[in-house]
Protein backbone atom coordinates (compact mmCIF):
# COMPACT_ATOMS: atom_id res chain seq x y z
CA MET A 1 20.31 -1.07 18.18
CA LEU A 2 16.00 -0.78 17.40
CA LYS A 3 14.43 1.72 18.28
CA LEU A 4 11.13 3.21 18.09
CA GLU A 5 9.60 6.24 18.07
CA HIS A 6 6.58 7.79 18.78
CA LEU A 7 4.48 4.43 17.25
CA SER A 8 1.07 4.91 17.62
CA TRP A 9 -1.80 2.46 16.42
CA ARG A 10 -5.45 2.42 16.16
CA THR A 11 -7.86 0.38 14.82
CA GLY A 12 -9.99 0.63 11.88
CA ASP A 13 -12.69 2.09 14.27
CA GLY A 14 -10.93 4.20 15.68
CA ARG A 15 -9.67 2.59 19.47
CA GLN A 16 -6.14 3.44 20.47
CA ILE A 17 -4.30 0.29 20.52
CA LEU A 18 -0.64 1.76 21.15
CA LYS A 19 0.41 5.68 22.19
CA ASP A 20 3.09 7.60 22.23
CA ILE A 21 5.71 4.33 22.51
CA ASN A 22 8.96 4.98 22.84
CA LEU A 23 11.67 1.83 23.15
CA THR A 24 15.36 1.38 22.16
CA VAL A 25 16.52 -2.09 22.52
CA PRO A 26 20.68 -2.43 22.30
CA ASP A 27 22.08 -5.29 20.31
CA GLY A 28 22.45 -8.43 22.50
CA LYS A 29 19.61 -7.64 24.38
CA LEU A 30 16.92 -9.62 25.05
CA LEU A 31 13.43 -8.42 25.21
CA VAL A 32 10.37 -9.19 26.47
CA ILE A 33 7.14 -7.88 26.18
CA THR A 34 4.76 -8.78 28.94
CA GLY A 35 0.81 -7.43 29.58
CA PRO A 36 -3.14 -7.73 29.16
CA ASN A 37 -4.71 -9.11 26.14
CA GLY A 38 -5.82 -6.46 23.82
CA GLY A 39 -2.63 -4.36 25.03
CA GLY A 40 -1.15 -4.12 22.06
CA LYS A 41 2.21 -6.59 21.66
CA THR A 42 1.02 -8.51 19.28
CA THR A 43 0.18 -5.02 17.49
CA LEU A 44 3.77 -3.56 18.42
CA ALA A 45 5.60 -7.12 17.45
CA LYS A 46 3.13 -6.85 13.68
CA MET A 47 4.64 -3.18 12.79
CA ILE A 48 8.22 -3.88 13.45
CA ALA A 49 7.97 -6.63 11.30
CA GLY A 50 6.57 -5.32 8.84
CA LEU A 51 2.98 -5.93 8.87
CA LEU A 52 1.16 -3.05 9.99
CA LEU A 53 1.94 0.19 9.43
CA PRO A 54 1.70 2.82 12.43
CA ASP A 55 -0.41 5.42 12.44
CA SER A 56 2.28 8.06 13.30
CA GLY A 57 6.26 7.44 14.36
CA ARG A 58 9.06 5.81 13.79
CA ILE A 59 10.65 2.38 13.36
CA LEU A 60 14.97 2.34 13.27
CA LEU A 61 17.27 -0.34 12.76
CA ASP A 62 20.28 0.56 13.20
CA GLY A 63 19.60 4.27 12.49
CA GLN A 64 18.21 3.16 9.63
CA ASP A 65 14.04 4.36 9.38
CA ILE A 66 12.50 0.84 8.35
CA THR A 67 8.70 2.02 9.41
CA SER A 68 7.43 1.66 5.83
CA LEU A 69 9.27 -1.54 4.38
CA ASP A 70 7.51 -4.39 3.43
CA PRO A 71 7.77 -7.15 5.43
CA THR A 72 9.96 -9.14 2.75
CA GLU A 73 12.36 -5.86 2.73
CA LYS A 74 12.63 -6.47 7.41
CA ALA A 75 13.13 -10.30 6.73
CA ARG A 76 16.19 -8.81 4.34
CA LEU A 77 17.94 -6.56 6.68
CA GLY A 78 17.25 -9.40 9.61
CA ILE A 79 14.15 -9.43 11.27
CA SER A 80 11.93 -12.51 11.25
CA TYR A 81 8.46 -13.31 13.09
CA ALA A 82 6.61 -15.87 14.33
CA PHE A 83 2.94 -15.87 13.74
CA GLN A 84 0.54 -16.55 16.27
CA GLN A 85 -1.44 -18.51 14.47
CA PRO A 86 2.08 -20.90 12.82
CA VAL A 87 1.46 -22.84 9.26
CA ARG A 88 1.45 -26.49 9.27
CA PHE A 89 4.01 -27.12 6.71
CA LYS A 90 3.05 -30.09 5.62
CA GLY A 91 4.83 -32.81 3.80
CA LEU A 92 8.06 -31.48 5.27
CA THR A 93 9.63 -33.07 7.91
CA VAL A 94 10.92 -30.32 10.59
CA ARG A 95 14.84 -31.26 9.26
CA GLN A 96 13.38 -29.59 5.43
CA LEU A 97 12.06 -26.70 7.37
CA LEU A 98 15.18 -25.57 9.77
CA GLU A 99 17.62 -26.36 6.91
CA LEU A 100 15.14 -23.87 4.59
CA ALA A 101 14.89 -21.14 7.56
CA ALA A 102 19.31 -21.59 7.82
CA GLY A 103 19.10 -21.52 3.93
CA GLY A 104 21.01 -24.63 3.00
CA ARG A 105 21.88 -27.57 4.80
CA ALA A 106 22.57 -27.96 8.33
CA ASP A 107 24.48 -30.15 10.54
CA TYR A 108 22.51 -33.00 13.18
CA ALA A 109 24.46 -31.24 15.65
CA GLU A 110 23.13 -27.64 14.84
CA LEU A 111 19.87 -28.80 14.19
CA CYS A 112 19.30 -30.64 17.47
CA ASP A 113 20.80 -27.84 19.51
CA THR A 114 17.77 -25.62 18.00
CA LEU A 115 15.63 -27.57 18.65
CA SER A 116 16.97 -28.35 22.12
CA ARG A 117 16.39 -24.84 22.69
CA VAL A 118 13.29 -24.21 22.41
CA GLY A 119 12.12 -27.34 24.70
CA LEU A 120 12.08 -30.33 22.12
CA CYS A 121 14.15 -33.68 22.04
CA ALA A 122 15.53 -33.37 18.44
CA ARG A 123 16.03 -37.29 18.13
CA GLU A 124 12.29 -37.11 18.14
CA TYR A 125 11.62 -34.30 15.76
CA VAL A 126 14.03 -34.07 13.18
CA ASP A 127 13.41 -36.65 10.41
CA ARG A 128 9.04 -36.05 11.92
CA GLU A 129 7.28 -35.06 9.36
CA ILE A 130 5.24 -31.67 10.50
CA ASN A 131 1.79 -33.17 9.93
CA ALA A 132 -1.58 -33.05 11.98
CA THR A 133 -0.23 -35.51 14.12
CA LEU A 134 1.91 -32.83 15.76
CA SER A 135 -0.09 -30.70 18.56
CA GLY A 136 -0.50 -27.02 18.30
CA GLY A 137 2.51 -26.56 21.08
CA GLU A 138 5.01 -28.76 18.75
CA ILE A 139 4.26 -26.82 15.67
CA LYS A 140 4.50 -23.74 17.34
CA ARG A 141 7.94 -24.68 19.11
CA ILE A 142 9.28 -25.66 15.55
CA GLU A 143 8.01 -22.26 13.95
CA ILE A 144 10.13 -20.84 16.92
CA ALA A 145 13.38 -23.24 15.90
CA SER A 146 12.77 -22.37 12.53
CA VAL A 147 12.92 -18.70 13.08
CA ILE A 148 16.10 -19.90 15.59
CA SER A 149 17.66 -21.21 12.42
CA ARG A 150 17.46 -17.93 10.40
CA HIS A 151 20.34 -16.36 12.60
CA THR A 152 18.46 -13.18 12.35
CA LYS A 153 19.05 -9.59 14.13
CA LEU A 154 15.87 -9.24 15.28
């Protein structure tokens, strides 16, 4: 279970982005956060992933306070994050990236299932090199597939 308690965050110039956010997300539930540009959605996700520290409040995962853990420590606990501007892993194939994310080899059926879940036709992408010929949307979907391949908790 993920629990946010009284999270607040301000920019360096003092602009309040998040104020006293309280949220409980039970295991197995899907949460969608929507709102206007600049509303704090990315800031909230970055705090959960450990890329930003809140000014106040706590982040609990299964009752453990993970607020001050860095991204690597949070990843070890099962938290993954997909960046808004994905990294282009040039020189790797989609298969290699997904296998790397999964921690080893993955069979073709599993790769196809993961790519299908993000709206890509596996036959066209599994052995394709990640390079400049892919669109921004394709890269984003492949990055989301790599997060899914990690089989993380959050």
